[in-house]
Protein backbone atom coordinates (compact mmCIF):
# COMPACT_ATOMS: atom_id res chain seq x y z
CA MET A 1 -43.19 -16.31 -41.86
CA PRO A 2 -44.37 -12.77 -42.42
CA ASP A 3 -45.99 -12.35 -46.07
CA ALA A 4 -43.56 -9.76 -46.98
CA THR A 5 -40.61 -11.83 -46.21
CA ARG A 6 -42.14 -14.76 -47.60
CA ASN A 7 -42.75 -13.07 -51.03
CA LEU A 8 -39.01 -11.75 -50.85
CA LEU A 9 -37.64 -15.26 -50.55
CA THR A 10 -40.18 -17.01 -52.89
CA ASP A 11 -39.54 -14.44 -55.79
CA PHE A 12 -35.79 -14.79 -55.21
CA LEU A 13 -35.96 -18.60 -55.53
CA SER A 14 -38.09 -18.42 -58.60
CA ASP A 15 -35.16 -16.12 -60.24
CA LEU A 16 -32.77 -19.21 -59.60
CA GLU A 17 -34.16 -20.78 -62.46
CA GLN A 18 -34.04 -17.88 -64.93
CA THR A 19 -30.83 -16.10 -66.39
CA THR A 20 -31.67 -12.97 -64.72
CA ILE A 21 -30.06 -14.08 -61.56
CA LEU A 22 -26.71 -13.90 -63.39
CA TRP A 23 -27.24 -10.15 -64.09
CA GLN A 24 -28.39 -9.67 -60.52
CA ILE A 25 -25.13 -11.26 -59.16
CA ALA A 26 -22.88 -9.46 -61.50
CA ILE A 27 -24.45 -6.16 -60.26
CA VAL A 28 -23.62 -7.16 -56.58
CA ALA A 29 -20.18 -8.32 -57.24
CA PHE A 30 -19.39 -5.34 -59.17
CA SER A 31 -20.86 -2.71 -56.56
CA LEU A 32 -18.93 -4.72 -53.71
CA VAL A 33 -15.48 -4.54 -55.43
CA LEU A 34 -16.05 -0.97 -56.62
CA ALA A 35 -17.07 0.14 -53.11
CA TRP A 36 -14.05 -1.67 -51.75
CA GLY A 37 -11.84 0.05 -53.96
CA ILE A 38 -13.31 3.45 -53.33
CA ASN A 39 -13.32 2.81 -49.50
CA HIS A 40 -9.48 1.88 -49.72
CA LEU A 41 -8.56 4.89 -51.77
CA LEU A 42 -10.40 7.05 -49.17
CA LEU A 43 -8.66 5.40 -46.26
CA GLY A 44 -5.59 5.93 -47.75
CA ARG A 45 -5.96 9.71 -48.09
CA MET A 46 -7.78 10.19 -44.76
CA PRO A 47 -5.66 12.67 -42.54
CA LYS A 48 -4.59 11.73 -39.15
CA SER A 49 -6.21 13.49 -36.49
CA GLU A 50 -7.04 13.44 -32.83
CA GLY A 51 -9.88 13.97 -30.63
CA VAL A 52 -13.47 14.85 -32.13
CA SER A 53 -12.07 14.59 -35.67
CA LYS A 54 -10.58 11.10 -35.04
CA VAL A 55 -13.94 9.88 -33.86
CA GLY A 56 -15.71 11.41 -36.89
CA TRP A 57 -13.32 9.84 -39.33
CA GLY A 58 -13.79 6.60 -37.71
CA GLY A 59 -17.46 6.62 -37.97
CA VAL A 60 -17.03 7.61 -41.78
CA SER A 61 -14.47 4.69 -42.38
CA ARG A 62 -16.97 2.35 -41.07
CA VAL A 63 -19.88 3.48 -43.07
CA ALA A 64 -18.15 4.25 -46.24
CA PHE A 65 -17.94 0.67 -47.79
CA PRO A 66 -21.57 -0.32 -47.07
CA MET A 67 -23.17 2.99 -48.21
CA ILE A 68 -21.07 3.27 -51.28
CA ALA A 69 -22.06 -0.40 -52.17
CA LEU A 70 -25.69 0.54 -51.33
CA LEU A 71 -25.92 3.53 -53.79
CA LEU A 72 -24.25 1.36 -56.45
CA VAL A 73 -26.69 -1.43 -56.01
CA LEU A 74 -29.66 0.98 -56.09
CA ILE A 75 -28.45 2.50 -59.30
CA GLY A 76 -27.83 -1.05 -60.72
CA ARG A 77 -31.53 -1.99 -59.60
CA ALA A 78 -32.89 1.09 -61.12
CA ALA A 79 -31.39 0.24 -64.50
CA LEU A 80 -31.87 -3.48 -64.58
CA LYS A 81 -35.81 -3.46 -63.38
CA ASN A 82 -36.98 -2.13 -66.82
CA TRP A 83 -35.82 -5.42 -68.32
CA TYR A 84 -35.57 -8.10 -65.55
CA SER A 85 -36.81 -8.81 -62.11
CA VAL A 86 -34.48 -7.70 -59.46
CA ASN A 87 -35.87 -9.99 -56.60
CA LEU A 88 -32.09 -10.50 -55.36
CA LEU A 89 -31.24 -6.89 -55.32
CA ASN A 90 -34.40 -6.20 -53.43
CA ILE A 91 -32.81 -8.51 -50.63
CA VAL A 92 -29.42 -7.15 -50.95
CA VAL A 93 -30.63 -3.42 -50.59
CA PRO A 94 -31.95 -3.82 -46.95
CA LEU A 95 -29.08 -6.01 -45.89
CA LEU A 96 -26.45 -3.23 -46.97
CA PHE A 97 -28.57 -0.36 -45.34
CA ALA A 98 -28.77 -2.71 -42.18
CA LEU A 99 -24.87 -3.21 -42.25
CA MET A 100 -24.47 0.45 -42.53
CA LEU A 101 -26.64 1.33 -39.73
CA ILE A 102 -25.18 -1.62 -37.20
CA GLN A 103 -21.54 -0.36 -38.12
CA LEU A 104 -22.47 3.22 -36.95
CA VAL A 105 -24.57 2.25 -33.94
CA VAL A 106 -21.91 -0.10 -32.69
CA TYR A 107 -18.93 2.31 -33.15
CA ALA A 108 -21.12 4.96 -31.27
CA LEU A 109 -21.52 2.64 -28.60
CA ARG A 110 -17.84 1.81 -28.49
CA GLN A 111 -17.12 5.59 -27.83
CA VAL A 112 -19.77 5.78 -25.12
CA PHE A 113 -18.05 2.74 -23.41
CA ALA A 114 -14.53 3.05 -21.78
CA PRO A 115 -11.73 2.96 -24.38
CA GLY A 116 -10.43 -0.31 -22.80
CA SER A 117 -13.99 -2.03 -22.74
CA TRP A 118 -14.73 -5.37 -24.30
CA LEU A 119 -16.47 -3.53 -27.11
CA HIS A 120 -13.01 -2.22 -28.37
CA GLY A 121 -11.84 -5.56 -29.28
CA SER A 122 -14.88 -7.25 -30.51
CA GLU A 123 -16.67 -4.67 -32.46
CA ARG A 124 -16.40 -6.42 -35.65
CA PHE A 125 -17.59 -9.79 -34.07
CA VAL A 126 -20.66 -7.74 -32.56
CA VAL A 127 -21.42 -6.26 -35.91
CA ILE A 128 -21.28 -9.45 -37.81
CA THR A 129 -23.36 -11.24 -35.22
CA ILE A 130 -26.19 -8.63 -35.31
CA TRP A 131 -26.16 -8.48 -38.99
CA VAL A 132 -26.37 -12.14 -39.56
CA GLY A 133 -29.27 -12.29 -37.10
CA PHE A 134 -31.10 -9.49 -39.13
CA ALA A 135 -30.25 -11.40 -42.38
CA LEU A 136 -31.89 -14.54 -40.90
CA HIS A 137 -34.96 -12.55 -39.86
CA LEU A 138 -35.10 -10.85 -43.36
CA THR A 139 -35.09 -14.29 -45.10
CA GLY A 140 -37.48 -15.68 -42.71
CA PHE A 141 -35.24 -18.56 -41.21
CA VAL A 142 -35.52 -17.32 -37.50
CA PRO A 143 -38.83 -18.99 -36.79
CA GLU A 144 -37.40 -22.29 -38.15
CA ILE A 145 -34.22 -21.93 -36.39
CA LEU A 146 -35.95 -21.27 -33.16
CA ASP A 147 -38.37 -24.31 -33.40
CA ALA A 148 -35.09 -26.44 -34.05
CA MET A 149 -33.47 -25.00 -31.00
CA ASP A 150 -36.55 -25.64 -28.86
CA TYR A 151 -37.04 -29.22 -30.16
CA LEU A 152 -33.53 -30.01 -28.69
CA SER A 153 -34.39 -30.45 -25.06
CA PHE A 154 -34.33 -32.63 -22.12
CA HIS A 155 -35.84 -32.83 -18.67
CA ILE A 156 -34.53 -32.30 -15.17
CA GLY A 157 -37.30 -33.41 -12.81
CA ARG A 158 -40.49 -31.44 -13.83
CA HIS A 159 -38.39 -28.92 -15.65
CA ARG A 160 -38.04 -29.20 -19.50
CA ILE A 161 -34.69 -27.60 -20.48
CA SER A 162 -34.03 -26.92 -24.27
CA LEU A 163 -31.31 -25.24 -26.21
CA LEU A 164 -33.33 -22.15 -26.66
CA VAL A 165 -33.86 -21.74 -23.11
CA ILE A 166 -30.11 -22.21 -22.49
CA LEU A 167 -29.24 -19.75 -24.99
CA SER A 168 -31.93 -17.21 -24.01
CA ALA A 169 -30.66 -17.38 -20.44
CA ILE A 170 -26.93 -16.96 -21.33
CA LEU A 171 -27.89 -13.75 -23.49
CA ALA A 172 -30.11 -12.48 -20.72
CA ILE A 173 -27.24 -12.90 -18.13
CA LEU A 174 -24.42 -11.38 -20.41
CA ALA A 175 -26.57 -8.45 -21.41
CA THR A 176 -27.39 -7.74 -17.69
CA LEU A 177 -23.95 -8.23 -16.13
CA LEU A 178 -22.40 -6.41 -19.12
CA THR A 179 -24.69 -3.11 -18.50
CA ALA A 180 -23.90 -3.68 -14.56
CA MET A 181 -20.30 -3.58 -15.30
CA TRP A 182 -20.41 -0.76 -17.73
CA LEU A 183 -22.36 1.29 -15.23
CA GLY A 184 -19.99 0.48 -12.51
CA ARG A 185 -17.13 1.46 -14.73
CA THR A 186 -18.64 4.74 -15.33
CA LEU A 187 -19.42 5.40 -11.73
CA GLU A 188 -15.89 4.31 -10.73
CA ARG A 189 -14.13 6.91 -13.25
CA LYS A 190 -16.56 9.66 -11.68
CA VAL A 191 -15.70 8.49 -7.99
CA MET A 192 -11.82 8.34 -8.83
CA ALA A 193 -11.92 11.93 -10.40
CA THR A 194 -13.31 13.46 -7.20
CA GLU A 195 -10.28 15.23 -5.74
CA ASN A 196 -12.03 16.30 -2.48
CA LEU A 197 -12.06 12.62 -1.36
CA ASP A 198 -9.17 10.62 0.25
CA MET A 199 -7.53 8.24 -2.40
CA ASN A 200 -8.41 5.17 -0.20
CA LEU A 201 -12.09 6.16 0.26
CA ARG A 202 -12.30 6.43 -3.69
CA VAL A 203 -11.07 3.13 -4.09
CA VAL A 204 -13.25 1.49 -1.32
CA LEU A 205 -16.41 3.31 -2.97
CA SER A 206 -15.39 2.27 -6.49
CA LYS A 207 -15.05 -1.34 -5.63
CA LEU A 208 -18.34 -1.35 -3.47
CA ILE A 209 -20.17 0.22 -6.21
CA ARG A 210 -18.89 -2.29 -8.78
CA ALA A 211 -19.64 -5.19 -6.65
CA SER A 212 -23.14 -4.20 -5.83
CA LEU A 213 -23.92 -3.52 -9.29
CA VAL A 214 -22.53 -7.09 -10.19
CA ILE A 215 -24.60 -8.64 -7.63
CA LEU A 216 -27.90 -6.64 -8.59
CA GLY A 217 -27.32 -7.66 -12.19
CA ILE A 218 -27.03 -11.36 -11.23
CA LEU A 219 -30.27 -10.88 -9.19
CA ILE A 220 -32.02 -9.26 -12.17
CA ALA A 221 -30.58 -11.81 -14.64
CA LEU A 222 -31.54 -15.13 -12.86
CA PRO A 223 -35.36 -14.56 -12.98
CA LEU A 224 -35.04 -13.44 -16.40
CA ALA A 225 -33.34 -16.54 -17.35
CA GLY A 226 -36.16 -18.72 -15.58
CA ILE A 227 -33.86 -19.91 -12.71
CA ASP A 228 -35.41 -19.77 -9.21
CA ILE A 229 -33.60 -17.09 -7.12
CA THR A 230 -33.90 -19.50 -4.06
CA VAL A 231 -31.02 -21.55 -5.53
CA LEU A 232 -28.89 -18.70 -4.31
CA SER A 233 -29.35 -20.21 -0.79
CA VAL A 234 -27.77 -23.46 -1.81
CA PHE A 235 -25.08 -21.62 -3.57
CA GLY A 236 -24.46 -19.43 -0.57
CA GLY A 237 -24.03 -22.32 1.63
CA ALA A 238 -21.64 -24.11 -1.02
CA LEU A 239 -19.69 -20.84 -0.93
CA GLY A 240 -19.41 -20.78 2.84
CA VAL A 241 -18.11 -24.47 2.89
CA GLY A 242 -15.63 -23.45 -0.02
CA ILE A 243 -14.33 -20.55 2.10
CA GLY A 244 -13.99 -22.53 5.21
CA PHE A 245 -11.92 -25.44 3.36
CA GLY A 246 -9.83 -23.90 0.53
CA LEU A 247 -10.91 -20.16 0.03
CA GLN A 248 -9.94 -18.61 3.23
CA LYS A 249 -6.69 -17.12 1.88
CA ILE A 250 -8.68 -15.41 -0.93
CA ALA A 251 -11.25 -14.14 1.70
CA SER A 252 -8.76 -13.05 4.03
CA ASN A 253 -6.88 -10.98 1.32
CA TYR A 254 -10.14 -9.20 0.40
CA VAL A 255 -11.05 -8.48 4.06
CA SER A 256 -7.45 -7.27 4.68
CA GLY A 257 -7.61 -4.87 1.65
CA PHE A 258 -10.67 -3.28 2.94
CA ILE A 259 -9.17 -2.86 6.38
CA ILE A 260 -5.99 -1.30 4.90
CA LEU A 261 -8.42 1.16 2.65
CA LEU A 262 -10.58 1.97 5.45
CA ASP A 263 -7.91 2.71 7.99
CA ARG A 264 -5.62 4.77 5.57
CA SER A 265 -2.39 3.17 6.80
CA ILE A 266 -1.26 2.72 3.18
CA HIS A 267 -1.93 5.28 0.19
CA PRO A 268 -1.11 4.76 -3.42
CA GLY A 269 2.25 6.42 -3.90
CA ASP A 270 3.57 5.64 -0.30
CA VAL A 271 7.16 4.35 -0.12
CA LEU A 272 7.35 0.95 1.64
CA THR A 273 9.54 -1.76 2.77
CA VAL A 274 7.64 -5.10 2.96
CA ASP A 275 9.56 -8.41 3.50
CA GLY A 276 12.81 -6.97 2.43
CA ARG A 277 11.34 -5.45 -0.77
CA PHE A 278 11.46 -1.75 -1.11
CA GLY A 279 9.44 0.29 -3.57
CA LYS A 280 6.66 2.82 -4.40
CA VAL A 281 3.00 1.73 -4.21
CA SER A 282 1.75 1.91 -7.71
CA GLN A 283 -1.48 0.14 -7.30
CA LEU A 284 -3.70 -0.63 -4.24
CA THR A 285 -6.68 -2.98 -4.71
CA THR A 286 -8.84 -5.01 -2.48
CA ARG A 287 -6.92 -8.22 -3.00
CA TYR A 288 -3.15 -7.06 -3.45
CA LEU A 289 -0.70 -4.32 -3.44
CA VAL A 290 1.70 -3.56 -6.26
CA LEU A 291 5.05 -2.46 -5.23
CA GLN A 292 7.40 -0.74 -7.88
CA ASN A 293 10.87 -0.71 -7.34
CA ASN A 294 13.35 1.66 -9.00
CA ASP A 295 14.79 -1.10 -11.20
CA GLY A 296 11.37 -1.44 -12.69
CA THR A 297 10.42 -4.61 -11.19
CA GLU A 298 7.08 -4.73 -9.61
CA ALA A 299 6.05 -7.07 -6.65
CA ILE A 300 2.52 -8.32 -6.26
CA ILE A 301 2.00 -8.65 -2.33
CA PRO A 302 -1.14 -9.99 -0.98
CA ASN A 303 -2.98 -7.86 1.47
CA GLU A 304 -2.86 -10.52 4.09
CA THR A 305 0.80 -9.95 4.14
CA LEU A 306 0.35 -6.25 4.90
CA ILE A 307 -1.92 -7.18 7.77
CA SER A 308 0.22 -10.06 9.56
CA SER A 309 3.70 -8.74 8.96
CA THR A 310 5.78 -5.48 9.82
CA VAL A 311 5.56 -2.79 7.23
CA ILE A 312 8.03 0.14 7.02
CA ASN A 313 6.11 3.04 5.56
CA HIS A 314 8.73 5.60 4.82
CA SER A 315 6.26 8.27 3.96
CA TYR A 316 3.43 7.47 6.58
CA THR A 317 3.59 10.93 8.45
CA ASN A 318 6.75 12.25 7.27
CA ARG A 319 8.60 11.64 3.82
CA GLN A 320 11.91 12.54 5.21
CA ILE A 321 14.28 9.76 5.66
CA ARG A 322 17.89 9.43 7.05
CA ILE A 323 20.45 7.76 4.87
CA GLY A 324 23.77 6.58 6.74
CA ILE A 325 26.92 6.62 4.48
CA PRO A 326 30.22 4.98 6.25
CA VAL A 327 33.64 6.25 5.44
CA GLN A 328 36.80 4.88 6.83
CA VAL A 329 40.18 7.07 6.88
CA SER A 330 43.71 6.15 8.07
CA TYR A 331 45.02 7.26 11.30
CA GLN A 332 47.59 9.36 10.00
CA SER A 333 44.82 11.41 8.11
CA ASP A 334 43.45 15.03 9.23
CA LEU A 335 40.27 13.87 10.93
CA HIS A 336 38.62 17.33 11.17
CA ARG A 337 39.55 17.93 7.50
CA ALA A 338 37.99 14.64 6.37
CA MET A 339 34.81 15.20 8.23
CA GLU A 340 34.37 18.75 6.57
CA ILE A 341 34.92 17.29 3.06
CA MET A 342 32.44 14.54 3.71
CA LYS A 343 29.77 17.26 4.75
CA GLN A 344 30.54 19.48 1.90
CA ALA A 345 30.28 16.58 -0.72
CA ALA A 346 26.77 15.83 0.79
CA GLU A 347 25.65 19.53 0.82
CA ASN A 348 26.56 19.84 -2.84
CA GLN A 349 23.89 17.30 -3.78
CA SER A 350 20.48 18.91 -4.37
CA ARG A 351 18.45 16.21 -3.07
CA VAL A 352 20.07 16.53 0.45
CA LEU A 353 18.05 18.62 2.68
CA ALA A 354 19.61 21.61 4.67
CA ASP A 355 17.03 21.03 7.51
CA PRO A 356 17.61 18.61 9.32
CA GLU A 357 21.43 19.35 8.89
CA THR A 358 23.96 16.84 7.61
CA LYS A 359 26.22 15.57 10.31
CA VAL A 360 29.43 13.47 10.55
CA TYR A 361 30.20 11.33 13.49
CA LEU A 362 33.13 9.47 14.51
CA LYS A 363 31.69 6.04 14.97
CA SER A 364 34.44 3.78 16.13
CA PHE A 365 38.14 3.00 15.87
CA GLY A 366 38.83 -0.01 13.62
CA ASP A 367 41.68 -2.28 12.94
CA ASN A 368 42.77 -0.59 9.83
CA GLY A 369 41.49 3.00 10.27
CA ILE A 370 38.85 5.24 11.87
CA ASN A 371 35.18 4.45 11.01
CA LEU A 372 33.21 7.76 10.31
CA GLU A 373 29.42 7.86 9.51
CA MET A 374 27.62 10.70 7.77
CA GLY A 375 23.72 11.09 8.13
CA VAL A 376 21.89 12.94 5.36
CA TRP A 377 18.13 13.64 5.14
CA ILE A 378 16.23 13.46 1.93
CA ASP A 379 12.30 13.88 1.29
CA ASP A 380 11.89 11.96 -1.93
CA PRO A 381 12.78 8.20 -1.07
CA GLU A 382 10.83 6.99 -4.21
CA GLU A 383 13.68 8.37 -6.26
CA GLY A 384 16.17 5.80 -4.66
CA GLN A 385 19.13 5.86 -2.23
CA LEU A 386 21.81 4.02 -3.96
CA ASN A 387 22.13 6.68 -6.76
CA LEU A 388 22.51 9.41 -4.04
CA CYS A 389 25.04 7.53 -2.02
CA SER A 390 27.17 6.89 -5.18
CA ASP A 391 27.37 10.45 -6.09
CA ILE A 392 28.33 11.54 -2.58
CA ASN A 393 30.71 8.74 -2.48
CA MET A 394 32.39 9.91 -5.77
CA GLU A 395 32.63 13.50 -4.58
CA ILE A 396 34.33 12.28 -1.23
CA TRP A 397 36.79 10.00 -3.12
CA ARG A 398 37.80 13.10 -5.29
CA LYS A 399 38.16 15.48 -2.54
CA PHE A 400 40.22 13.04 -0.45
CA GLN A 401 42.57 12.58 -3.23
CA GLU A 402 43.16 16.30 -3.59
CA ALA A 403 43.27 16.67 0.24
CA GLY A 404 45.88 13.74 0.62
CA ILE A 405 43.45 11.85 2.96
CA GLU A 406 43.87 8.19 2.61
CA ILE A 407 41.27 5.45 2.65
CA PRO A 408 42.87 2.50 4.22
CA TYR A 409 42.68 -1.07 3.33
CA PRO A 410 43.42 -4.39 5.29
CA GLN A 411 47.10 -4.79 5.98
CA HIS A 412 49.22 -7.55 7.74
CA ASP A 413 52.60 -7.34 9.08
CA ILE A 414 54.63 -10.52 9.09
CA ARG A 415 57.39 -10.55 11.64
CA ILE A 416 59.99 -13.60 11.00
CA MET A 417 61.66 -14.58 14.34
CA SER A 418 65.29 -15.97 13.84
CA GLY A 419 65.99 -19.24 15.83
CA GLN A 420 67.41 -22.91 15.76
CA ALA A 421 65.59 -25.10 13.24
CA SER A 422 64.17 -28.21 14.94
CA ALA A 423 65.03 -31.52 13.81
């Protein structure tokens, strides 16, 4: 234990036998309560802001409480030391200053990291953990704790494994992997923001960069943790056996994902029909594809399905698709007038293209009427087809009623033959 730390702790323990400790506890309690009240008052009057102002006010809100408490404790220590010893306050002052500094540094790191990073949800936990570690170091308990952790050990062969070694390895691996993941996320954002690259190529590069950095982080973390890197050969063999027996589907999905991204057959924003599911590609990853339907539902389709089954891409080379709208009219109706009304009803819709031209065909002669079919072309399939068909059919129905054109329905004529009743 350092001499300065030993003196602080020894002097504090000596104050426990005197009444002066009560005055110091009172100053600390009063300073903390008053600082909490002032901080609460400031937060209530803090204006709502965005951008740089929001970041600045966020930093102020985090350092206000420990800074105000520190100033009050310093004032109380200056007033009390003329009559009594202030050993407890000598320990509280660096603790409050450390809390203020840690709060500010962790908040700054949170702004540097992505907004949705792990630090966003665990900022308070990180601050408390670092501050408790500093408090233990200041009071001189860290060496004793480390010795106790190193004493709890066991042997595996010739190697001695202690709790200290395990925790050190965990911390080294976590620090290395978190750094690699943060760097990979930063590079991924930069790659995805490059507009002169194809979207599929951006996704491939971003995934490769993140995977490479994670692997590099593992290779760096293992030696730091005292683990022989040759164990990866054993792990690689076990992984190969696992893929051969039970993970072939997962491996197939990842390989299929890279094939789809590299051959550029499917892009984010394409309109697909896969296994009877119609929708827009909202997300394309190395393992699955997210197909968003017009009703808000999202289908998560494994990439292996896209490779092994037929996929209808409505926007692969041309976004224009044809929609067939069947209509039946009675045999007594004016056929030419009905076809003109149908074509006009389609052309009144803003989504229907003028080129290719809308056409109406006489499809067949049915039992109850004449079957007509109108073909219209659109170039926005992601907006849906049912809503357009409904608008066109409503317009046809209204125009048919005005023109006296009948839409038939099934009818059956029953003829009763007169004759002698059987016995």
